[in-house]
Amino acid sequence: MYKNRIIELLARKLACEATQSELEELNDLITKYPDSVYYEEFLAQVWENSDEPTDVPDVEQAYLQHKFKFSEEFSQTEEQSKSFSFKKYKNIIAIAAVLLVVVAGSLFYFSRGDKFSPDTQIVAGKGIRKKIKLPDGTMVWLNSDSKLSYESDINQKKRRIVYLVGEAFFDVAHRQSQSFIVRTDKICVKVLGTAFNIKAYPIDKKSEATLIRGSIELSVNDRSEQKILLSPSEKFALVEDKKVTRTKSNTLPDLPKDITLMIQHVVPVRIGDTEYIEETSWRDSQLVFQNESLEDLKPKLERWFNVQIKFEIEQSKSYRFTGVFKNETLEETLKAMQLIKPFKFKLKEHDLIIY
């Protein structure tokens, strides 16, 4: 049943008829059922390859063709709809027409095996980082507590789609006719061949995409029709629970008040005579942070060292740190941080108490 609901919501979204609650419902469904991205891809292609839904004659023609095909189902509707104006109800008709196309077309595509059905998953647990090579030659570095899902025959697909939970660096093998798409629960990135980093942990309030080389096309899931283009050394961030701030002309308009979108230039962290790129240094097993509070560092430290952190004193959460660590243990890292701010800690197996 969820598939029918997803198709319905996608059609309403493309017809600009979806409410904010329906968009949120759609986002939740796609997050819960990752394989349903197939429907979005298919419906987007149908919409892109057709004329504009506001073009009444074409919509009417499509509607009448489908009404003829499903004449029995529409017989009663026809009697009640003779006085309807297509101009007045063109969006609703567009939704109905596209829905029918999707339902009919989905059967065809399913029979061809073109749906997105990931059968391979790579997992990097807490405290672990992995480097893998996808069948198409794309290199992927997977950070701690992350999962990457894809189809084993990704190399044969028209679109190379992967689904990421967590953080990963991609060096994508260039294919002019075969785009590479990374989906997370909040954002989507489309490229042909480039190098970039995506950070999208479910528990984090911020999702980020950092471009190192080439170019990427990025969209927010509930506004996939609006695209953002990044240039090298630019970082896109979607932050929840804050007021909207637009820092560049191609950010998305009409956002909910609890979401902020930002595009910033990547600023290296300088320690002595050496510069480090915080967003990608983890690939080299370097834990880098710049002017971050201990509270903000909590999830990063938990993933990096595979621990659970608890604060017994609220004041310690606001202590801010800048540092670079590579081969240090958690205890060595904390002792170095103690030289900057006065706090104490207790470490027992995988539990860390800061007081």
Protein backbone atom coordinates (compact mmCIF):
# COMPACT_ATOMS: atom_id res chain seq x y z
CA MET A 1 0.00 0.00 0.00
CA TYR A 2 2.87 2.38 0.71
CA LYS A 3 3.90 2.22 -2.97
CA ASN A 4 0.54 3.59 -4.12
CA ARG A 5 0.75 6.37 -1.55
CA ILE A 6 4.28 7.32 -2.65
CA ILE A 7 3.21 7.46 -6.31
CA GLU A 8 0.22 9.62 -5.39
CA LEU A 9 2.31 12.04 -3.33
CA LEU A 10 5.00 12.28 -6.02
CA ALA A 11 2.39 13.15 -8.62
CA ARG A 12 0.86 15.81 -6.37
CA LYS A 13 4.31 17.22 -5.73
CA LEU A 14 5.15 17.50 -9.44
CA ALA A 15 1.77 19.10 -10.09
CA CYS A 16 2.51 21.68 -7.33
CA GLU A 17 -0.61 20.54 -5.45
CA ALA A 18 1.10 18.92 -2.45
CA THR A 19 0.72 20.50 0.97
CA GLN A 20 3.62 20.85 3.39
CA SER A 21 2.34 17.92 5.46
CA GLU A 22 2.12 15.77 2.32
CA LEU A 23 5.70 16.67 1.38
CA GLU A 24 6.84 15.68 4.86
CA GLU A 25 4.91 12.42 4.59
CA LEU A 26 6.55 11.72 1.21
CA ASN A 27 10.01 12.38 2.62
CA ASP A 28 9.34 10.04 5.55
CA LEU A 29 8.10 7.28 3.24
CA ILE A 30 11.11 7.51 0.93
CA THR A 31 13.40 7.43 3.95
CA LYS A 32 11.60 4.39 5.35
CA TYR A 33 11.53 2.56 2.02
CA PRO A 34 14.79 3.43 0.16
CA ASP A 35 13.90 1.25 -2.82
CA SER A 36 11.00 3.59 -3.55
CA VAL A 37 13.42 6.09 -5.09
CA TYR A 38 12.69 4.12 -8.27
CA TYR A 39 9.25 5.69 -8.41
CA GLU A 40 10.65 9.18 -8.05
CA GLU A 41 13.20 8.56 -10.80
CA PHE A 42 10.58 7.10 -13.13
CA LEU A 43 7.98 9.76 -12.46
CA ALA A 44 10.57 12.52 -12.92
CA GLN A 45 11.48 11.08 -16.30
CA VAL A 46 7.83 10.89 -17.33
CA TRP A 47 7.30 14.48 -16.25
CA GLU A 48 10.49 15.78 -17.88
CA ASN A 49 9.81 14.02 -21.17
CA SER A 50 6.25 15.26 -21.36
CA ASP A 51 5.00 18.79 -22.01
CA GLU A 52 4.32 21.14 -19.13
CA PRO A 53 1.35 20.02 -17.01
CA THR A 54 -0.16 23.45 -17.42
CA ASP A 55 -0.43 22.91 -21.18
CA VAL A 56 -4.14 22.12 -21.21
CA PRO A 57 -4.56 20.55 -24.68
CA ASP A 58 -1.76 18.01 -24.13
CA VAL A 59 -2.97 17.12 -20.67
CA GLU A 60 -6.49 16.73 -21.94
CA GLN A 61 -5.31 14.48 -24.73
CA ALA A 62 -3.36 12.30 -22.33
CA TYR A 63 -6.33 12.13 -20.01
CA LEU A 64 -8.71 11.15 -22.80
CA GLN A 65 -6.35 8.47 -24.05
CA HIS A 66 -6.18 6.89 -20.63
CA LYS A 67 -9.94 7.31 -20.16
CA PHE A 68 -10.45 5.33 -23.34
CA LYS A 69 -8.10 2.61 -22.15
CA PHE A 70 -9.84 2.39 -18.79
CA SER A 71 -13.33 3.22 -20.08
CA GLU A 72 -15.14 0.98 -17.62
CA GLU A 73 -13.49 2.59 -14.62
CA PHE A 74 -14.25 6.09 -15.89
CA SER A 75 -17.81 5.49 -17.10
CA GLN A 76 -19.44 6.88 -13.97
CA THR A 77 -16.96 9.73 -13.69
CA GLU A 78 -17.74 10.80 -17.24
CA GLU A 79 -21.43 11.29 -16.46
CA GLN A 80 -20.59 13.50 -13.52
CA SER A 81 -17.85 15.48 -15.24
CA LYS A 82 -19.36 16.73 -18.49
CA SER A 83 -19.56 20.29 -17.24
CA PHE A 84 -16.01 20.32 -15.84
CA SER A 85 -13.60 22.87 -17.26
CA PHE A 86 -10.21 21.41 -18.11
CA LYS A 87 -8.67 24.80 -17.63
CA LYS A 88 -10.02 25.03 -14.09
CA TYR A 89 -9.02 21.50 -13.16
CA LYS A 90 -5.92 21.01 -15.30
CA ASN A 91 -3.64 20.29 -12.32
CA ILE A 92 -5.96 17.61 -10.97
CA ILE A 93 -6.25 16.06 -14.44
CA ALA A 94 -2.47 16.17 -14.81
CA ILE A 95 -2.14 14.26 -11.55
CA ALA A 96 -4.61 11.62 -12.70
CA ALA A 97 -2.96 11.28 -16.10
CA VAL A 98 0.54 11.00 -14.67
CA LEU A 99 -0.62 8.52 -12.05
CA LEU A 100 -2.03 6.28 -14.76
CA VAL A 101 1.15 6.58 -16.80
CA VAL A 102 3.24 5.67 -13.78
CA VAL A 103 1.11 2.69 -12.82
CA ALA A 104 1.14 1.37 -16.37
CA GLY A 105 4.77 2.23 -16.92
CA SER A 106 5.89 0.79 -13.62
CA LEU A 107 4.67 -2.64 -14.66
CA PHE A 108 6.80 -2.35 -17.78
CA TYR A 109 9.85 -1.16 -15.90
CA PHE A 110 9.48 -3.77 -13.17
CA SER A 111 9.37 -6.48 -15.82
CA ARG A 112 12.61 -5.10 -17.26
CA GLY A 113 14.27 -5.10 -13.84
CA ASP A 114 15.15 -1.37 -13.99
CA LYS A 115 13.89 -0.50 -10.51
CA PHE A 116 16.31 0.54 -7.79
CA SER A 117 16.62 -2.56 -5.61
CA PRO A 118 19.90 -2.44 -3.69
CA ASP A 119 21.22 -5.93 -3.04
CA THR A 120 24.62 -4.92 -1.70
CA GLN A 121 25.36 -3.02 1.50
CA ILE A 122 28.74 -1.94 2.86
CA VAL A 123 28.82 -1.12 6.58
CA ALA A 124 31.52 0.68 8.54
CA GLY A 125 30.83 0.34 12.26
CA LYS A 126 31.78 2.86 14.93
CA GLY A 127 35.54 3.23 15.15
CA ILE A 128 35.98 1.74 11.64
CA ARG A 129 36.63 3.37 8.27
CA LYS A 130 36.58 1.54 4.95
CA LYS A 131 37.77 2.10 1.39
CA ILE A 132 35.89 0.29 -1.37
CA LYS A 133 35.73 0.20 -5.16
CA LEU A 134 32.32 -0.01 -6.80
CA PRO A 135 31.77 -2.15 -9.92
CA ASP A 136 31.85 0.97 -12.12
CA GLY A 137 35.30 1.95 -10.85
CA THR A 138 34.12 4.63 -8.41
CA MET A 139 36.22 4.81 -5.25
CA VAL A 140 34.38 5.30 -1.96
CA TRP A 141 35.78 6.02 1.49
CA LEU A 142 33.19 5.18 4.15
CA ASN A 143 33.47 6.90 7.52
CA SER A 144 32.61 5.40 10.91
CA ASP A 145 29.01 4.38 11.62
CA SER A 146 28.01 4.61 7.94
CA LYS A 147 26.21 2.43 5.40
CA LEU A 148 26.28 2.45 1.60
CA SER A 149 23.66 0.53 -0.38
CA TYR A 150 23.72 -0.11 -4.13
CA GLU A 151 22.87 -2.64 -6.81
CA SER A 152 25.57 -5.16 -7.68
CA ASP A 153 24.97 -4.50 -11.39
CA ILE A 154 25.24 -0.72 -10.96
CA ASN A 155 27.67 -0.66 -13.85
CA GLN A 156 24.88 -1.74 -16.22
CA LYS A 157 22.30 0.83 -15.12
CA LYS A 158 21.35 4.01 -16.98
CA ARG A 159 21.72 5.82 -13.67
CA ARG A 160 24.23 4.72 -11.06
CA ILE A 161 22.32 5.18 -7.79
CA VAL A 162 23.65 4.62 -4.28
CA TYR A 163 21.97 5.27 -0.92
CA LEU A 164 24.08 6.66 1.92
CA VAL A 165 23.48 6.75 5.65
CA GLY A 166 26.36 8.49 7.40
CA GLU A 167 29.43 9.97 5.73
CA ALA A 168 31.40 9.05 2.61
CA PHE A 169 33.92 10.52 0.19
CA PHE A 170 33.32 9.70 -3.48
CA ASP A 171 35.79 9.80 -6.35
CA VAL A 172 33.36 9.02 -9.15
CA ALA A 173 34.43 7.24 -12.33
CA HIS A 174 33.41 9.50 -15.22
CA ARG A 175 30.64 8.24 -17.51
CA GLN A 176 29.27 10.84 -19.90
CA SER A 177 26.00 8.97 -20.50
CA GLN A 178 25.66 7.45 -17.03
CA SER A 179 25.07 9.90 -14.18
CA PHE A 180 26.02 8.98 -10.61
CA ILE A 181 23.44 9.78 -7.92
CA VAL A 182 23.91 9.73 -4.15
CA ARG A 183 20.74 9.80 -2.10
CA THR A 184 20.40 10.44 1.62
CA ASP A 185 17.29 10.98 3.73
CA LYS A 186 17.51 14.77 3.21
CA ILE A 187 19.55 15.61 0.11
CA CYS A 188 20.42 14.19 -3.30
CA VAL A 189 23.62 14.75 -5.31
CA LYS A 190 23.97 14.08 -9.04
CA VAL A 191 27.31 14.01 -10.92
CA LEU A 192 28.98 12.53 -13.98
CA GLY A 193 32.50 12.26 -12.61
CA THR A 194 34.01 14.21 -9.73
CA ALA A 195 35.25 14.07 -6.13
CA PHE A 196 33.10 15.15 -3.21
CA ASN A 197 32.19 14.40 0.39
CA ILE A 198 28.71 13.86 1.83
CA LYS A 199 27.93 13.87 5.54
CA ALA A 200 24.38 12.88 6.45
CA TYR A 201 24.08 11.11 9.78
CA PRO A 202 20.45 10.61 10.90
CA ILE A 203 21.08 11.93 14.42
CA ASP A 204 22.86 15.09 13.21
CA LYS A 205 20.92 18.30 12.63
CA LYS A 206 23.21 19.18 9.72
CA SER A 207 23.63 17.49 6.33
CA GLU A 208 26.62 18.58 4.25
CA ALA A 209 28.02 18.15 0.75
CA THR A 210 31.57 19.38 0.05
CA LEU A 211 32.92 19.57 -3.50
CA ILE A 212 36.62 18.96 -4.02
CA ARG A 213 36.88 18.58 -7.80
CA GLY A 214 34.52 18.95 -10.75
CA SER A 215 30.90 19.99 -10.24
CA ILE A 216 27.79 18.57 -8.62
CA GLU A 217 24.07 19.20 -8.89
CA LEU A 218 22.37 19.09 -5.51
CA SER A 219 18.73 19.15 -4.43
CA VAL A 220 16.81 18.92 -1.17
CA ASN A 221 14.54 15.88 -1.22
CA ASP A 222 11.22 17.66 -0.73
CA ARG A 223 12.17 20.23 -3.39
CA SER A 224 13.88 18.03 -5.98
CA GLU A 225 12.76 20.23 -8.87
CA GLN A 226 15.03 23.05 -7.64
CA LYS A 227 18.75 22.52 -8.20
CA ILE A 228 21.86 23.96 -6.56
CA LEU A 229 25.21 23.87 -8.36
CA LEU A 230 28.44 23.77 -6.36
CA SER A 231 31.89 24.85 -7.49
CA PRO A 232 35.17 23.31 -6.25
CA SER A 233 36.00 24.11 -2.61
CA GLU A 234 32.38 24.99 -1.84
CA LYS A 235 30.30 23.35 0.89
CA PHE A 236 26.52 23.09 1.04
CA ALA A 237 24.87 22.67 4.44
CA LEU A 238 21.26 21.99 5.40
CA VAL A 239 20.70 22.79 9.06
CA GLU A 240 17.47 22.03 10.90
CA ASP A 241 15.92 23.90 13.86
CA LYS A 242 17.30 27.30 12.94
CA LYS A 243 15.99 30.39 11.16
CA VAL A 244 16.38 30.48 7.40
CA THR A 245 19.53 32.17 6.14
CA ARG A 246 20.24 32.50 2.45
CA THR A 247 23.87 33.15 1.63
CA LYS A 248 23.79 32.68 -2.14
CA SER A 249 21.35 33.48 -4.92
CA ASN A 250 20.80 29.88 -5.98
CA THR A 251 19.62 28.62 -2.60
CA LEU A 252 16.05 27.39 -2.40
CA PRO A 253 13.19 29.82 -1.72
CA ASP A 254 10.10 29.31 0.43
CA LEU A 255 11.73 27.05 2.98
CA PRO A 256 10.19 26.13 6.32
CA LYS A 257 11.30 28.45 9.11
CA ASP A 258 13.12 25.66 10.94
CA ILE A 259 15.53 24.96 8.06
CA THR A 260 18.64 26.90 7.05
CA LEU A 261 20.53 26.43 3.79
CA MET A 262 24.07 27.70 3.44
CA ILE A 263 26.76 27.63 0.78
CA GLN A 264 30.22 28.40 2.11
CA HIS A 265 33.82 28.23 0.93
CA VAL A 266 35.88 25.50 2.56
CA VAL A 267 38.32 27.06 5.05
CA PRO A 268 41.37 24.92 5.95
CA VAL A 269 42.29 24.39 9.58
CA ARG A 270 45.84 25.65 10.20
CA ILE A 271 47.87 23.98 12.93
CA GLY A 272 51.43 25.30 12.96
CA ASP A 273 52.65 25.34 9.35
CA THR A 274 50.23 22.67 8.15
CA GLU A 275 46.74 23.09 6.74
CA TYR A 276 44.02 20.46 7.07
CA ILE A 277 40.65 20.18 5.33
CA GLU A 278 38.27 19.33 8.14
CA GLU A 279 35.55 18.01 5.82
CA THR A 280 37.76 15.35 4.19
CA SER A 281 40.67 14.77 6.61
CA TRP A 282 38.96 11.68 8.04
CA ARG A 283 39.94 9.81 4.84
CA ASP A 284 43.52 9.94 6.07
CA SER A 285 42.44 8.83 9.57
CA GLN A 286 42.84 12.37 10.87
CA LEU A 287 40.28 13.71 13.34
CA VAL A 288 40.16 17.46 12.69
CA PHE A 289 37.89 20.03 14.31
CA GLN A 290 37.93 23.81 14.43
CA ASN A 291 36.37 25.94 17.16
CA GLU A 292 33.73 23.31 17.98
CA SER A 293 31.99 22.96 21.32
CA LEU A 294 32.35 19.75 23.26
CA GLU A 295 28.62 19.20 22.83
CA ASP A 296 28.97 19.45 19.03
CA LEU A 297 32.00 17.17 19.14
CA LYS A 298 30.11 14.51 21.08
CA PRO A 299 28.68 12.55 18.09
CA LYS A 300 31.95 12.85 16.18
CA LEU A 301 33.98 11.49 19.11
CA GLU A 302 31.43 8.73 19.72
CA ARG A 303 31.67 7.52 16.13
CA TRP A 304 35.44 7.90 15.91
CA PHE A 305 36.28 6.06 19.13
CA ASN A 306 33.17 3.85 19.47
CA VAL A 307 32.05 5.18 22.85
CA GLN A 308 28.96 6.61 24.52
CA ILE A 309 29.52 10.04 26.06
CA LYS A 310 27.58 11.53 28.98
CA PHE A 311 27.94 14.99 30.52
CA GLU A 312 27.55 15.41 34.27
CA ILE A 313 28.29 19.14 34.21
CA GLU A 314 26.46 21.37 31.73
CA GLN A 315 29.25 23.95 31.61
CA SER A 316 31.66 21.50 29.98
CA LYS A 317 29.35 21.22 26.94
CA SER A 318 30.17 24.80 25.91
CA TYR A 319 33.97 24.39 25.99
CA ARG A 320 35.35 24.95 22.48
CA PHE A 321 38.33 23.23 20.86
CA THR A 322 40.49 23.21 17.73
CA GLY A 323 42.71 20.23 17.12
CA VAL A 324 44.11 17.51 14.88
CA PHE A 325 44.50 13.90 16.04
CA LYS A 326 45.63 10.91 14.02
CA ASN A 327 46.91 7.89 15.92
CA GLU A 328 46.03 9.04 19.44
CA THR A 329 43.77 6.95 21.63
CA LEU A 330 40.64 8.45 23.17
CA GLU A 331 42.41 8.89 26.50
CA GLU A 332 45.35 10.65 24.84
CA THR A 333 42.96 12.89 22.91
CA LEU A 334 41.06 13.89 26.04
CA LYS A 335 44.23 14.60 28.01
CA ALA A 336 45.42 16.90 25.22
CA MET A 337 42.07 18.71 25.29
CA GLN A 338 42.36 19.10 29.07
CA LEU A 339 45.36 21.36 28.46
CA ILE A 340 42.97 23.85 26.80
CA LYS A 341 39.91 23.64 29.07
CA PRO A 342 39.54 22.34 32.65
CA PHE A 343 37.35 19.25 32.65
CA LYS A 344 37.62 15.75 34.08
CA PHE A 345 36.57 12.42 32.64
CA LYS A 346 35.99 8.80 33.54
CA LEU A 347 36.51 6.11 30.91
CA LYS A 348 35.27 2.56 31.32
CA GLU A 349 35.15 0.27 28.30
CA HIS A 350 32.77 2.02 25.86
CA ASP A 351 31.38 4.58 28.33
CA LEU A 352 32.86 8.05 28.79
CA ILE A 353 31.65 10.43 31.49
CA ILE A 354 32.77 14.06 31.33
CA TYR A 355 32.44 16.15 34.51
